[in-house]
Amino acid sequence: QVQLVESGGGLVQAGGSLRLSCVASGSISSISTMAWYRQAPGKQRELVASISTGSRINYGDSVKGRFTISRESAPNTVYLQMNSLKPEDTAVYYCSLTDWQSRTWWGRGTQVTVSS
C-alpha cells in the first residue's frame, strides 16, 4: 500500500509562481512513475507532468515551458514548480504513483487558484 500527501497549493495572481510537493510513503517499488494531474470543475482530469525512476519526463502541452517536475528518492517526493501561472491553471492538483505492475495510487489533491 502507498500513501501520497500533497502540499503547497494556494491563491496566486496571474503571472505568479507556486511550488507543489508530494511525499510518498509505504511499500514503493524501485521502478515507478510519479505524476501530477489536475482537474477543473466540470472537466476531465488531465496530465500535467510525469517523471520516471530514471528521470524520463513528460509534460502536458498546456504547461510546457512554464512548469518543471522533479523528484527525490529519500523520502520519495515529487515536486511541481509552476511559473507564469494563468487563470486557466486553476484546478485541484493531484499527485500519483504508478508501479511496475501499472497499479496507481492517488493523493487527495491540493487546490490551486489563479486570479485574473
PDB file of N, CA and C in Angstrom:
ATOM      1  N   GLN A   1       0.842  -1.190   0.000  1.00  0.00           N
ATOM      2  CA  GLN A   1       0.000   0.000   0.000  1.00  0.00           C
ATOM      3  C   GLN A   1       0.880   1.244   0.000  1.00  0.00           C
ATOM      4  N   VAL A   2       0.442   2.268  -0.738  1.00  0.00           N
ATOM      5  CA  VAL A   2       1.164   3.521  -0.873  1.00  0.00           C
ATOM      6  C   VAL A   2       0.264   4.666  -0.437  1.00  0.00           C
ATOM      7  N   GLN A   3       0.840   5.615   0.286  1.00  0.00           N
ATOM      8  CA  GLN A   3       0.130   6.820   0.675  1.00  0.00           C
ATOM      9  C   GLN A   3       0.828   8.031   0.070  1.00  0.00           C
ATOM     10  N   LEU A   4       0.052   8.993  -0.438  1.00  0.00           N
ATOM     11  CA  LEU A   4       0.572  10.189  -1.073  1.00  0.00           C
ATOM     12  C   LEU A   4      -0.072  11.413  -0.426  1.00  0.00           C
ATOM     13  N   VAL A   5       0.741  12.407  -0.074  1.00  0.00           N
ATOM     14  CA  VAL A   5       0.246  13.621   0.557  1.00  0.00           C
ATOM     15  C   VAL A   5       0.803  14.829  -0.176  1.00  0.00           C
ATOM     16  N   GLU A   6      -0.098  15.646  -0.751  1.00  0.00           N
ATOM     17  CA  GLU A   6       0.290  16.853  -1.469  1.00  0.00           C
ATOM     18  C   GLU A   6       0.289  18.057  -0.536  1.00  0.00           C
ATOM     19  N   SER A   7       1.075  19.069  -0.895  1.00  0.00           N
ATOM     20  CA  SER A   7       1.067  20.336  -0.188  1.00  0.00           C
ATOM     21  C   SER A   7       1.543  21.437  -1.131  1.00  0.00           C
ATOM     22  N   GLY A   8       1.305  22.691  -0.754  1.00  0.00           N
ATOM     23  CA  GLY A   8       1.828  23.824  -1.497  1.00  0.00           C
ATOM     24  C   GLY A   8       0.828  24.586  -2.331  1.00  0.00           C
ATOM     25  N   GLY A   9      -0.414  24.125  -2.405  1.00  0.00           N
ATOM     26  CA  GLY A   9      -1.422  24.846  -3.161  1.00  0.00           C
ATOM     27  C   GLY A   9      -1.806  26.144  -2.478  1.00  0.00           C
ATOM     28  N   GLY A  10      -2.515  26.999  -3.219  1.00  0.00           N
ATOM     29  CA  GLY A  10      -2.944  28.262  -2.665  1.00  0.00           C
ATOM     30  C   GLY A  10      -3.482  29.192  -3.719  1.00  0.00           C
ATOM     31  N   LEU A  11      -3.618  30.458  -3.344  1.00  0.00           N
ATOM     32  CA  LEU A  11      -4.127  31.509  -4.217  1.00  0.00           C
ATOM     33  C   LEU A  11      -2.976  32.383  -4.677  1.00  0.00           C
ATOM     34  N   VAL A  12      -2.897  32.629  -5.985  1.00  0.00           N
ATOM     35  CA  VAL A  12      -1.826  33.438  -6.548  1.00  0.00           C
ATOM     36  C   VAL A  12      -2.380  34.265  -7.703  1.00  0.00           C
ATOM     37  N   GLN A  13      -1.796  35.432  -7.939  1.00  0.00           N
ATOM     38  CA  GLN A  13      -2.201  36.263  -9.066  1.00  0.00           C
ATOM     39  C   GLN A  13      -1.607  35.742 -10.370  1.00  0.00           C
ATOM     40  N   ALA A  14      -2.266  36.041 -11.476  1.00  0.00           N
ATOM     41  CA  ALA A  14      -1.743  35.671 -12.783  1.00  0.00           C
ATOM     42  C   ALA A  14      -0.321  36.180 -12.947  1.00  0.00           C
ATOM     43  N   GLY A  15       0.543  35.321 -13.488  1.00  0.00           N
ATOM     44  CA  GLY A  15       1.951  35.645 -13.640  1.00  0.00           C
ATOM     45  C   GLY A  15       2.817  35.216 -12.480  1.00  0.00           C
ATOM     46  N   GLY A  16       2.208  34.800 -11.387  1.00  0.00           N
ATOM     47  CA  GLY A  16       2.941  34.388 -10.209  1.00  0.00           C
ATOM     48  C   GLY A  16       3.379  32.937 -10.264  1.00  0.00           C
ATOM     49  N   SER A  17       3.940  32.468  -9.140  1.00  0.00           N
ATOM     50  CA  SER A  17       4.504  31.127  -9.062  1.00  0.00           C
ATOM     51  C   SER A  17       4.049  30.405  -7.808  1.00  0.00           C
ATOM     52  N   LEU A  18       3.995  29.076  -7.896  1.00  0.00           N
ATOM     53  CA  LEU A  18       3.761  28.196  -6.762  1.00  0.00           C
ATOM     54  C   LEU A  18       4.621  26.955  -6.928  1.00  0.00           C
ATOM     55  N   ARG A  19       4.957  26.319  -5.804  1.00  0.00           N
ATOM     56  CA  ARG A  19       5.703  25.068  -5.817  1.00  0.00           C
ATOM     57  C   ARG A  19       4.921  24.021  -5.033  1.00  0.00           C
ATOM     58  N   LEU A  20       4.491  22.962  -5.712  1.00  0.00           N
ATOM     59  CA  LEU A  20       3.773  21.873  -5.083  1.00  0.00           C
ATOM     60  C   LEU A  20       4.732  20.756  -4.705  1.00  0.00           C
ATOM     61  N   SER A  21       4.427  20.069  -3.606  1.00  0.00           N
ATOM     62  CA  SER A  21       5.204  18.920  -3.161  1.00  0.00           C
ATOM     63  C   SER A  21       4.276  17.748  -2.898  1.00  0.00           C
ATOM     64  N   CYS A  22       4.776  16.538  -3.093  1.00  0.00           N
ATOM     65  CA  CYS A  22       4.027  15.323  -2.795  1.00  0.00           C
ATOM     66  C   CYS A  22       4.992  14.286  -2.247  1.00  0.00           C
ATOM     67  N   VAL A  23       4.731  13.814  -1.029  1.00  0.00           N
ATOM     68  CA  VAL A  23       5.570  12.817  -0.383  1.00  0.00           C
ATOM     69  C   VAL A  23       4.862  11.471  -0.411  1.00  0.00           C
ATOM     70  N   ALA A  24       5.553  10.452  -0.902  1.00  0.00           N
ATOM     71  CA  ALA A  24       5.024   9.094  -0.961  1.00  0.00           C
ATOM     72  C   ALA A  24       5.624   8.249   0.157  1.00  0.00           C
ATOM     73  N   SER A  25       4.794   7.412   0.776  1.00  0.00           N
ATOM     74  CA  SER A  25       5.260   6.503   1.807  1.00  0.00           C
ATOM     75  C   SER A  25       4.574   5.156   1.647  1.00  0.00           C
ATOM     76  N   GLY A  26       5.136   4.126   2.289  1.00  0.00           N
ATOM     77  CA  GLY A  26       4.592   2.781   2.196  1.00  0.00           C
ATOM     78  C   GLY A  26       5.486   1.871   1.380  1.00  0.00           C
ATOM     79  N   SER A  27       4.874   0.840   0.791  1.00  0.00           N
ATOM     80  CA  SER A  27       5.606  -0.158   0.021  1.00  0.00           C
ATOM     81  C   SER A  27       5.738   0.311  -1.422  1.00  0.00           C
ATOM     82  N   ILE A  28       6.843   0.994  -1.716  1.00  0.00           N
ATOM     83  CA  ILE A  28       7.056   1.619  -3.024  1.00  0.00           C
ATOM     84  C   ILE A  28       8.045   0.794  -3.834  1.00  0.00           C
ATOM     85  N   SER A  29       7.684   0.457  -5.057  1.00  0.00           N
ATOM     86  CA  SER A  29       8.553  -0.302  -5.944  1.00  0.00           C
ATOM     87  C   SER A  29       9.768   0.519  -6.340  1.00  0.00           C
ATOM     88  N   SER A  30      10.869  -0.169  -6.656  1.00  0.00           N
ATOM     89  CA  SER A  30      12.076   0.523  -7.092  1.00  0.00           C
ATOM     90  C   SER A  30      11.888   1.176  -8.455  1.00  0.00           C
ATOM     91  N   ILE A  31      10.989   0.633  -9.262  1.00  0.00           N
ATOM     92  CA  ILE A  31      10.656   1.207 -10.560  1.00  0.00           C
ATOM     93  C   ILE A  31       9.248   1.793 -10.472  1.00  0.00           C
ATOM     94  N   SER A  32       9.148   3.091 -10.630  1.00  0.00           N
ATOM     95  CA  SER A  32       7.858   3.750 -10.529  1.00  0.00           C
ATOM     96  C   SER A  32       7.861   5.049 -11.302  1.00  0.00           C
ATOM     97  N   THR A  33       6.670   5.517 -11.603  1.00  0.00           N
ATOM     98  CA  THR A  33       6.478   6.826 -12.209  1.00  0.00           C
ATOM     99  C   THR A  33       5.612   7.660 -11.281  1.00  0.00           C
ATOM    100  N   MET A  34       6.038   8.871 -11.004  1.00  0.00           N
ATOM    101  CA  MET A  34       5.224   9.807 -10.252  1.00  0.00           C
ATOM    102  C   MET A  34       4.766  10.916 -11.191  1.00  0.00           C
ATOM    103  N   ALA A  35       3.581  11.442 -10.927  1.00  0.00           N
ATOM    104  CA  ALA A  35       2.987  12.393 -11.857  1.00  0.00           C
ATOM    105  C   ALA A  35       2.094  13.377 -11.131  1.00  0.00           C
ATOM    106  N   TRP A  36       1.848  14.497 -11.803  1.00  0.00           N
ATOM    107  CA  TRP A  36       0.856  15.472 -11.385  1.00  0.00           C
ATOM    108  C   TRP A  36      -0.249  15.522 -12.429  1.00  0.00           C
ATOM    109  N   TYR A  37      -1.485  15.429 -11.964  1.00  0.00           N
ATOM    110  CA  TYR A  37      -2.667  15.636 -12.773  1.00  0.00           C
ATOM    111  C   TYR A  37      -3.454  16.805 -12.188  1.00  0.00           C
ATOM    112  N   ARG A  38      -4.349  17.377 -12.974  1.00  0.00           N
ATOM    113  CA  ARG A  38      -5.217  18.418 -12.454  1.00  0.00           C
ATOM    114  C   ARG A  38      -6.625  18.248 -13.002  1.00  0.00           C
ATOM    115  N   GLN A  39      -7.584  18.757 -12.241  1.00  0.00           N
ATOM    116  CA  GLN A  39      -8.979  18.670 -12.639  1.00  0.00           C
ATOM    117  C   GLN A  39      -9.698  19.950 -12.250  1.00  0.00           C
ATOM    118  N   ALA A  40     -10.225  20.641 -13.249  1.00  0.00           N
ATOM    119  CA  ALA A  40     -11.034  21.827 -13.035  1.00  0.00           C
ATOM    120  C   ALA A  40     -12.499  21.420 -12.935  1.00  0.00           C
ATOM    121  N   PRO A  41     -13.342  22.252 -12.309  1.00  0.00           N
ATOM    122  CA  PRO A  41     -14.760  21.898 -12.163  1.00  0.00           C
ATOM    123  C   PRO A  41     -15.417  21.576 -13.505  1.00  0.00           C
ATOM    124  N   GLY A  42     -16.109  20.447 -13.570  1.00  0.00           N
ATOM    125  CA  GLY A  42     -16.826  20.051 -14.767  1.00  0.00           C
ATOM    126  C   GLY A  42     -15.961  19.509 -15.889  1.00  0.00           C
ATOM    127  N   LYS A  43     -14.661  19.341 -15.656  1.00  0.00           N
ATOM    128  CA  LYS A  43     -13.764  18.870 -16.696  1.00  0.00           C
ATOM    129  C   LYS A  43     -13.101  17.557 -16.299  1.00  0.00           C
ATOM    130  N   GLN A  44     -12.544  16.867 -17.297  1.00  0.00           N
ATOM    131  CA  GLN A  44     -11.818  15.624 -17.072  1.00  0.00           C
ATOM    132  C   GLN A  44     -10.467  15.905 -16.423  1.00  0.00           C
ATOM    133  N   ARG A  45      -9.985  14.933 -15.659  1.00  0.00           N
ATOM    134  CA  ARG A  45      -8.643  15.026 -15.108  1.00  0.00           C
ATOM    135  C   ARG A  45      -7.626  14.915 -16.249  1.00  0.00           C
ATOM    136  N   GLU A  46      -6.613  15.792 -16.252  1.00  0.00           N
ATOM    137  CA  GLU A  46      -5.621  15.799 -17.315  1.00  0.00           C
ATOM    138  C   GLU A  46      -4.211  15.732 -16.751  1.00  0.00           C
ATOM    139  N   LEU A  47      -3.310  15.141 -17.535  1.00  0.00           N
ATOM    140  CA  LEU A  47      -1.910  15.043 -17.143  1.00  0.00           C
ATOM    141  C   LEU A  47      -1.250  16.414 -17.204  1.00  0.00           C
ATOM    142  N   VAL A  48      -0.534  16.764 -16.137  1.00  0.00           N
ATOM    143  CA  VAL A  48       0.278  17.967 -16.108  1.00  0.00           C
ATOM    144  C   VAL A  48       1.730  17.621 -16.423  1.00  0.00           C
ATOM    145  N   ALA A  49       2.291  16.658 -15.693  1.00  0.00           N
ATOM    146  CA  ALA A  49       3.671  16.242 -15.891  1.00  0.00           C
ATOM    147  C   ALA A  49       3.900  14.905 -15.213  1.00  0.00           C
ATOM    148  N   SER A  50       4.853  14.127 -15.714  1.00  0.00           N
ATOM    149  CA  SER A  50       5.223  12.858 -15.104  1.00  0.00           C
ATOM    150  C   SER A  50       6.728  12.689 -15.142  1.00  0.00           C
ATOM    151  N   ILE A  51       7.239  11.872 -14.206  1.00  0.00           N
ATOM    152  CA  ILE A  51       8.677  11.619 -14.140  1.00  0.00           C
ATOM    153  C   ILE A  51       8.892  10.193 -13.652  1.00  0.00           C
ATOM    154  N   SER A  52       9.733   9.438 -14.357  1.00  0.00           N
ATOM    155  CA  SER A  52      10.010   8.050 -14.022  1.00  0.00           C
ATOM    156  C   SER A  52      11.167   7.952 -13.045  1.00  0.00           C
ATOM    157  N   THR A  53      11.427   6.717 -12.554  1.00  0.00           N
ATOM    158  CA  THR A  53      12.571   6.478 -11.674  1.00  0.00           C
ATOM    159  C   THR A  53      13.872   6.887 -12.348  1.00  0.00           C
ATOM    160  N   GLY A  54      13.970   6.672 -13.665  1.00  0.00           N
ATOM    161  CA  GLY A  54      15.145   7.062 -14.426  1.00  0.00           C
ATOM    162  C   GLY A  54      15.127   8.502 -14.894  1.00  0.00           C
ATOM    163  N   SER A  55      14.200   9.294 -14.377  1.00  0.00           N
ATOM    164  CA  SER A  55      14.091  10.735 -14.660  1.00  0.00           C
ATOM    165  C   SER A  55      13.668  11.036 -16.094  1.00  0.00           C
ATOM    166  N   ARG A  56      12.945  10.115 -16.726  1.00  0.00           N
ATOM    167  CA  ARG A  56      12.318  10.417 -18.007  1.00  0.00           C
ATOM    168  C   ARG A  56      11.077  11.259 -17.729  1.00  0.00           C
ATOM    169  N   ILE A  57      10.949  12.396 -18.404  1.00  0.00           N
ATOM    170  CA  ILE A  57       9.941  13.396 -18.083  1.00  0.00           C
ATOM    171  C   ILE A  57       9.016  13.649 -19.269  1.00  0.00           C
ATOM    172  N   ASN A  58       7.728  13.799 -18.978  1.00  0.00           N
ATOM    173  CA  ASN A  58       6.736  14.218 -19.961  1.00  0.00           C
ATOM    174  C   ASN A  58       5.930  15.374 -19.392  1.00  0.00           C
ATOM    175  N   TYR A  59       5.552  16.323 -20.249  1.00  0.00           N
ATOM    176  CA  TYR A  59       4.716  17.454 -19.871  1.00  0.00           C
ATOM    177  C   TYR A  59       3.488  17.526 -20.759  1.00  0.00           C
ATOM    178  N   GLY A  60       2.383  17.959 -20.166  1.00  0.00           N
ATOM    179  CA  GLY A  60       1.238  18.296 -20.972  1.00  0.00           C
ATOM    180  C   GLY A  60       1.527  19.533 -21.812  1.00  0.00           C
ATOM    181  N   ASP A  61       0.909  19.598 -22.992  1.00  0.00           N
ATOM    182  CA  ASP A  61       1.202  20.698 -23.911  1.00  0.00           C
ATOM    183  C   ASP A  61       0.899  22.068 -23.307  1.00  0.00           C
ATOM    184  N   SER A  62      -0.112  22.153 -22.473  1.00  0.00           N
ATOM    185  CA  SER A  62      -0.534  23.437 -21.939  1.00  0.00           C
ATOM    186  C   SER A  62       0.423  24.018 -20.908  1.00  0.00           C
ATOM    187  N   VAL A  63       1.361  23.211 -20.388  1.00  0.00           N
ATOM    188  CA  VAL A  63       2.257  23.696 -19.342  1.00  0.00           C
ATOM    189  C   VAL A  63       3.720  23.701 -19.758  1.00  0.00           C
ATOM    190  N   LYS A  64       4.038  23.214 -20.951  1.00  0.00           N
ATOM    191  CA  LYS A  64       5.428  23.188 -21.400  1.00  0.00           C
ATOM    192  C   LYS A  64       6.019  24.591 -21.412  1.00  0.00           C
ATOM    193  N   GLY A  65       7.223  24.703 -20.864  1.00  0.00           N
ATOM    194  CA  GLY A  65       7.898  25.983 -20.796  1.00  0.00           C
ATOM    195  C   GLY A  65       7.564  26.802 -19.575  1.00  0.00           C
ATOM    196  N   ARG A  66       6.546  26.393 -18.811  1.00  0.00           N
ATOM    197  CA  ARG A  66       6.143  27.122 -17.612  1.00  0.00           C
ATOM    198  C   ARG A  66       6.311  26.310 -16.336  1.00  0.00           C
ATOM    199  N   PHE A  67       6.058  24.997 -16.399  1.00  0.00           N
ATOM    200  CA  PHE A  67       6.120  24.125 -15.222  1.00  0.00           C
ATOM    201  C   PHE A  67       7.334  23.213 -15.316  1.00  0.00           C
ATOM    202  N   THR A  68       7.875  22.831 -14.153  1.00  0.00           N
ATOM    203  CA  THR A  68       9.002  21.911 -14.083  1.00  0.00           C
ATOM    204  C   THR A  68       8.731  20.850 -13.021  1.00  0.00           C
ATOM    205  N   ILE A  69       8.864  19.575 -13.396  1.00  0.00           N
ATOM    206  CA  ILE A  69       8.696  18.475 -12.456  1.00  0.00           C
ATOM    207  C   ILE A  69      10.067  17.925 -12.072  1.00  0.00           C
ATOM    208  N   SER A  70      10.216  17.512 -10.814  1.00  0.00           N
ATOM    209  CA  SER A  70      11.445  16.896 -10.339  1.00  0.00           C
ATOM    210  C   SER A  70      11.099  15.931  -9.219  1.00  0.00           C
ATOM    211  N   ARG A  71      12.058  15.070  -8.833  1.00  0.00           N
ATOM    212  CA  ARG A  71      11.797  14.124  -7.750  1.00  0.00           C
ATOM    213  C   ARG A  71      13.059  13.829  -6.966  1.00  0.00           C
ATOM    214  N   GLU A  72      12.859  13.366  -5.727  1.00  0.00           N
ATOM    215  CA  GLU A  72      13.908  12.870  -4.861  1.00  0.00           C
ATOM    216  C   GLU A  72      13.537  11.462  -4.419  1.00  0.00           C
ATOM    217  N   SER A  73      14.541  10.659  -4.071  1.00  0.00           N
ATOM    218  CA  SER A  73      14.299   9.251  -3.747  1.00  0.00           C
ATOM    219  C   SER A  73      14.134   8.980  -2.258  1.00  0.00           C
ATOM    220  N   ALA A  74      14.669   9.833  -1.393  1.00  0.00           N
ATOM    221  CA  ALA A  74      14.615   9.579   0.040  1.00  0.00           C
ATOM    222  C   ALA A  74      14.358  10.863   0.818  1.00  0.00           C
ATOM    223  N   PRO A  75      13.139  11.093   1.297  1.00  0.00           N
ATOM    224  CA  PRO A  75      11.956  10.279   1.038  1.00  0.00           C
ATOM    225  C   PRO A  75      11.486  10.441  -0.399  1.00  0.00           C
ATOM    226  N   ASN A  76      10.661   9.524  -0.861  1.00  0.00           N
ATOM    227  CA  ASN A  76      10.182   9.573  -2.235  1.00  0.00           C
ATOM    228  C   ASN A  76       9.235  10.755  -2.405  1.00  0.00           C
ATOM    229  N   THR A  77       9.703  11.768  -3.118  1.00  0.00           N
ATOM    230  CA  THR A  77       8.984  13.028  -3.225  1.00  0.00           C
ATOM    231  C   THR A  77       9.004  13.534  -4.661  1.00  0.00           C
ATOM    232  N   VAL A  78       7.886  14.091  -5.105  1.00  0.00           N
ATOM    233  CA  VAL A  78       7.815  14.726  -6.414  1.00  0.00           C
ATOM    234  C   VAL A  78       7.407  16.179  -6.219  1.00  0.00           C
ATOM    235  N   TYR A  79       8.016  17.072  -7.006  1.00  0.00           N
ATOM    236  CA  TYR A  79       7.752  18.497  -6.927  1.00  0.00           C
ATOM    237  C   TYR A  79       7.211  18.994  -8.262  1.00  0.00           C
ATOM    238  N   LEU A  80       6.449  20.061  -8.199  1.00  0.00           N
ATOM    239  CA  LEU A  80       5.996  20.745  -9.405  1.00  0.00           C
ATOM    240  C   LEU A  80       6.192  22.239  -9.199  1.00  0.00           C
ATOM    241  N   GLN A  81       7.181  22.806  -9.889  1.00  0.00           N
ATOM    242  CA  GLN A  81       7.407  24.242  -9.878  1.00  0.00           C
ATOM    243  C   GLN A  81       6.573  24.861 -10.981  1.00  0.00           C
ATOM    244  N   MET A  82       5.660  25.745 -10.614  1.00  0.00           N
ATOM    245  CA  MET A  82       4.728  26.355 -11.552  1.00  0.00           C
ATOM    246  C   MET A  82       5.026  27.845 -11.650  1.00  0.00           C
ATOM    247  N   ASN A  83       5.427  28.291 -12.830  1.00  0.00           N
ATOM    248  CA  ASN A  83       5.728  29.693 -13.092  1.00  0.00           C
ATOM    249  C   ASN A  83       4.775  30.246 -14.140  1.00  0.00           C
ATOM    250  N   SER A  84       4.706  31.569 -14.225  1.00  0.00           N
ATOM    251  CA  SER A  84       3.857  32.248 -15.209  1.00  0.00           C
ATOM    252  C   SER A  84       2.441  31.703 -15.194  1.00  0.00           C
ATOM    253  N   LEU A  85       1.870  31.589 -14.012  1.00  0.00           N
ATOM    254  CA  LEU A  85       0.558  30.979 -13.858  1.00  0.00           C
ATOM    255  C   LEU A  85      -0.525  31.810 -14.531  1.00  0.00           C
ATOM    256  N   LYS A  86      -1.502  31.102 -15.092  1.00  0.00           N
ATOM    257  CA  LYS A  86      -2.630  31.696 -15.787  1.00  0.00           C
ATOM    258  C   LYS A  86      -3.926  31.302 -15.090  1.00  0.00           C
ATOM    259  N   PRO A  87      -4.989  32.102 -15.237  1.00  0.00           N
ATOM    260  CA  PRO A  87      -6.267  31.718 -14.627  1.00  0.00           C
ATOM    261  C   PRO A  87      -6.738  30.330 -15.054  1.00  0.00           C
ATOM    262  N   GLU A  88      -6.438  29.908 -16.274  1.00  0.00           N
ATOM    263  CA  GLU A  88      -6.851  28.595 -16.736  1.00  0.00           C
ATOM    264  C   GLU A  88      -6.088  27.448 -16.073  1.00  0.00           C
ATOM    265  N   ASP A  89      -5.053  27.759 -15.283  1.00  0.00           N
ATOM    266  CA  ASP A  89      -4.367  26.748 -14.488  1.00  0.00           C
ATOM    267  C   ASP A  89      -5.121  26.413 -13.201  1.00  0.00           C
ATOM    268  N   THR A  90      -6.161  27.165 -12.895  1.00  0.00           N
ATOM    269  CA  THR A  90      -6.941  26.928 -11.684  1.00  0.00           C
ATOM    270  C   THR A  90      -7.563  25.536 -11.720  1.00  0.00           C
ATOM    271  N   ALA A  91      -7.285  24.738 -10.691  1.00  0.00           N
ATOM    272  CA  ALA A  91      -7.760  23.358 -10.635  1.00  0.00           C
ATOM    273  C   ALA A  91      -7.337  22.745  -9.310  1.00  0.00           C
ATOM    274  N   VAL A  92      -7.851  21.549  -9.035  1.00  0.00           N
ATOM    275  CA  VAL A  92      -7.303  20.718  -7.981  1.00  0.00           C
ATOM    276  C   VAL A  92      -6.185  19.889  -8.598  1.00  0.00           C
ATOM    277  N   TYR A  93      -5.013  19.937  -7.995  1.00  0.00           N
ATOM    278  CA  TYR A  93      -3.850  19.216  -8.489  1.00  0.00           C
ATOM    279  C   TYR A  93      -3.639  17.956  -7.665  1.00  0.00           C
ATOM    280  N   TYR A  94      -3.536  16.815  -8.349  1.00  0.00           N
ATOM    281  CA  TYR A  94      -3.402  15.517  -7.710  1.00  0.00           C
ATOM    282  C   TYR A  94      -2.047  14.894  -8.025  1.00  0.00           C
ATOM    283  N   CYS A  95      -1.446  14.292  -7.027  1.00  0.00           N
ATOM    284  CA  CYS A  95      -0.217  13.536  -7.183  1.00  0.00           C
ATOM    285  C   CYS A  95      -0.548  12.062  -7.365  1.00  0.00           C
ATOM    286  N   SER A  96       0.214  11.353  -8.199  1.00  0.00           N
ATOM    287  CA  SER A  96       0.024   9.921  -8.376  1.00  0.00           C
ATOM    288  C   SER A  96       1.358   9.189  -8.405  1.00  0.00           C
ATOM    289  N   LEU A  97       1.303   7.893  -8.078  1.00  0.00           N
ATOM    290  CA  LEU A  97       2.443   6.992  -8.230  1.00  0.00           C
ATOM    291  C   LEU A  97       1.963   5.727  -8.920  1.00  0.00           C
ATOM    292  N   THR A  98       2.657   5.310  -9.971  1.00  0.00           N
ATOM    293  CA  THR A  98       2.335   4.098 -10.710  1.00  0.00           C
ATOM    294  C   THR A  98       3.523   3.157 -10.655  1.00  0.00           C
ATOM    295  N   ASP A  99       3.301   1.898 -10.239  1.00  0.00           N
ATOM    296  CA  ASP A  99       4.405   0.958 -10.103  1.00  0.00           C
ATOM    297  C   ASP A  99       4.580   0.111 -11.358  1.00  0.00           C
ATOM    298  N   TRP A 100       5.499  -0.853 -11.302  1.00  0.00           N
ATOM    299  CA  TRP A 100       5.840  -1.658 -12.479  1.00  0.00           C
ATOM    300  C   TRP A 100       4.695  -2.559 -12.937  1.00  0.00           C
ATOM    301  N   GLN A 101       3.726  -2.833 -12.048  1.00  0.00           N
ATOM    302  CA  GLN A 101       2.542  -3.606 -12.401  1.00  0.00           C
ATOM    303  C   GLN A 101       1.396  -2.722 -12.890  1.00  0.00           C
ATOM    304  N   SER A 102       1.657  -1.445 -13.106  1.00  0.00           N
ATOM    305  CA  SER A 102       0.672  -0.463 -13.553  1.00  0.00           C
ATOM    306  C   SER A 102      -0.429  -0.224 -12.525  1.00  0.00           C
ATOM    307  N   ARG A 103      -0.120  -0.461 -11.262  1.00  0.00           N
ATOM    308  CA  ARG A 103      -1.031  -0.087 -10.190  1.00  0.00           C
ATOM    309  C   ARG A 103      -0.785   1.371  -9.837  1.00  0.00           C
ATOM    310  N   THR A 104      -1.845   2.143  -9.640  1.00  0.00           N
ATOM    311  CA  THR A 104      -1.736   3.575  -9.405  1.00  0.00           C
ATOM    312  C   THR A 104      -2.410   3.971  -8.098  1.00  0.00           C
ATOM    313  N   TRP A 105      -1.735   4.800  -7.336  1.00  0.00           N
ATOM    314  CA  TRP A 105      -2.273   5.385  -6.116  1.00  0.00           C
ATOM    315  C   TRP A 105      -2.348   6.895  -6.281  1.00  0.00           C
ATOM    316  N   TRP A 106      -3.323   7.511  -5.629  1.00  0.00           N
ATOM    317  CA  TRP A 106      -3.579   8.938  -5.753  1.00  0.00           C
ATOM    318  C   TRP A 106      -3.567   9.638  -4.401  1.00  0.00           C
ATOM    319  N   GLY A 107      -3.078  10.872  -4.394  1.00  0.00           N
ATOM    320  CA  GLY A 107      -3.260  11.733  -3.252  1.00  0.00           C
ATOM    321  C   GLY A 107      -4.651  12.341  -3.259  1.00  0.00           C
ATOM    322  N   ARG A 108      -4.969  13.102  -2.229  1.00  0.00           N
ATOM    323  CA  ARG A 108      -6.298  13.695  -2.109  1.00  0.00           C
ATOM    324  C   ARG A 108      -6.433  15.025  -2.827  1.00  0.00           C
ATOM    325  N   GLY A 109      -5.335  15.602  -3.283  1.00  0.00           N
ATOM    326  CA  GLY A 109      -5.361  16.817  -4.074  1.00  0.00           C
ATOM    327  C   GLY A 109      -5.093  18.074  -3.267  1.00  0.00           C
ATOM    328  N   THR A 110      -4.635  19.109  -3.960  1.00  0.00           N
ATOM    329  CA  THR A 110      -4.427  20.421  -3.368  1.00  0.00           C
ATOM    330  C   THR A 110      -4.932  21.478  -4.344  1.00  0.00           C
ATOM    331  N   GLN A 111      -5.662  22.467  -3.833  1.00  0.00           N
ATOM    332  CA  GLN A 111      -6.302  23.470  -4.673  1.00  0.00           C
ATOM    333  C   GLN A 111      -5.306  24.547  -5.091  1.00  0.00           C
ATOM    334  N   VAL A 112      -5.279  24.843  -6.384  1.00  0.00           N
ATOM    335  CA  VAL A 112      -4.514  25.967  -6.929  1.00  0.00           C
ATOM    336  C   VAL A 112      -5.500  26.917  -7.594  1.00  0.00           C
ATOM    337  N   THR A 113      -5.511  28.170  -7.159  1.00  0.00           N
ATOM    338  CA  THR A 113      -6.401  29.174  -7.721  1.00  0.00           C
ATOM    339  C   THR A 113      -5.569  30.353  -8.211  1.00  0.00           C
ATOM    340  N   VAL A 114      -5.743  30.714  -9.477  1.00  0.00           N
ATOM    341  CA  VAL A 114      -5.006  31.814 -10.092  1.00  0.00           C
ATOM    342  C   VAL A 114      -6.000  32.908 -10.447  1.00  0.00           C
ATOM    343  N   SER A 115      -5.846  34.075  -9.847  1.00  0.00           N
ATOM    344  CA  SER A 115      -6.757  35.183 -10.084  1.00  0.00           C
ATOM    345  C   SER A 115      -6.333  35.976 -11.315  1.00  0.00           C
ATOM    346  N   SER A 116      -7.307  36.557 -12.005  1.00  0.00           N
ATOM    347  CA  SER A 116      -7.042  37.327 -13.210  1.00  0.00           C
ATOM    348  C   SER A 116      -6.719  38.772 -12.897  1.00  0.00           C
TER     349      SER A 116
END
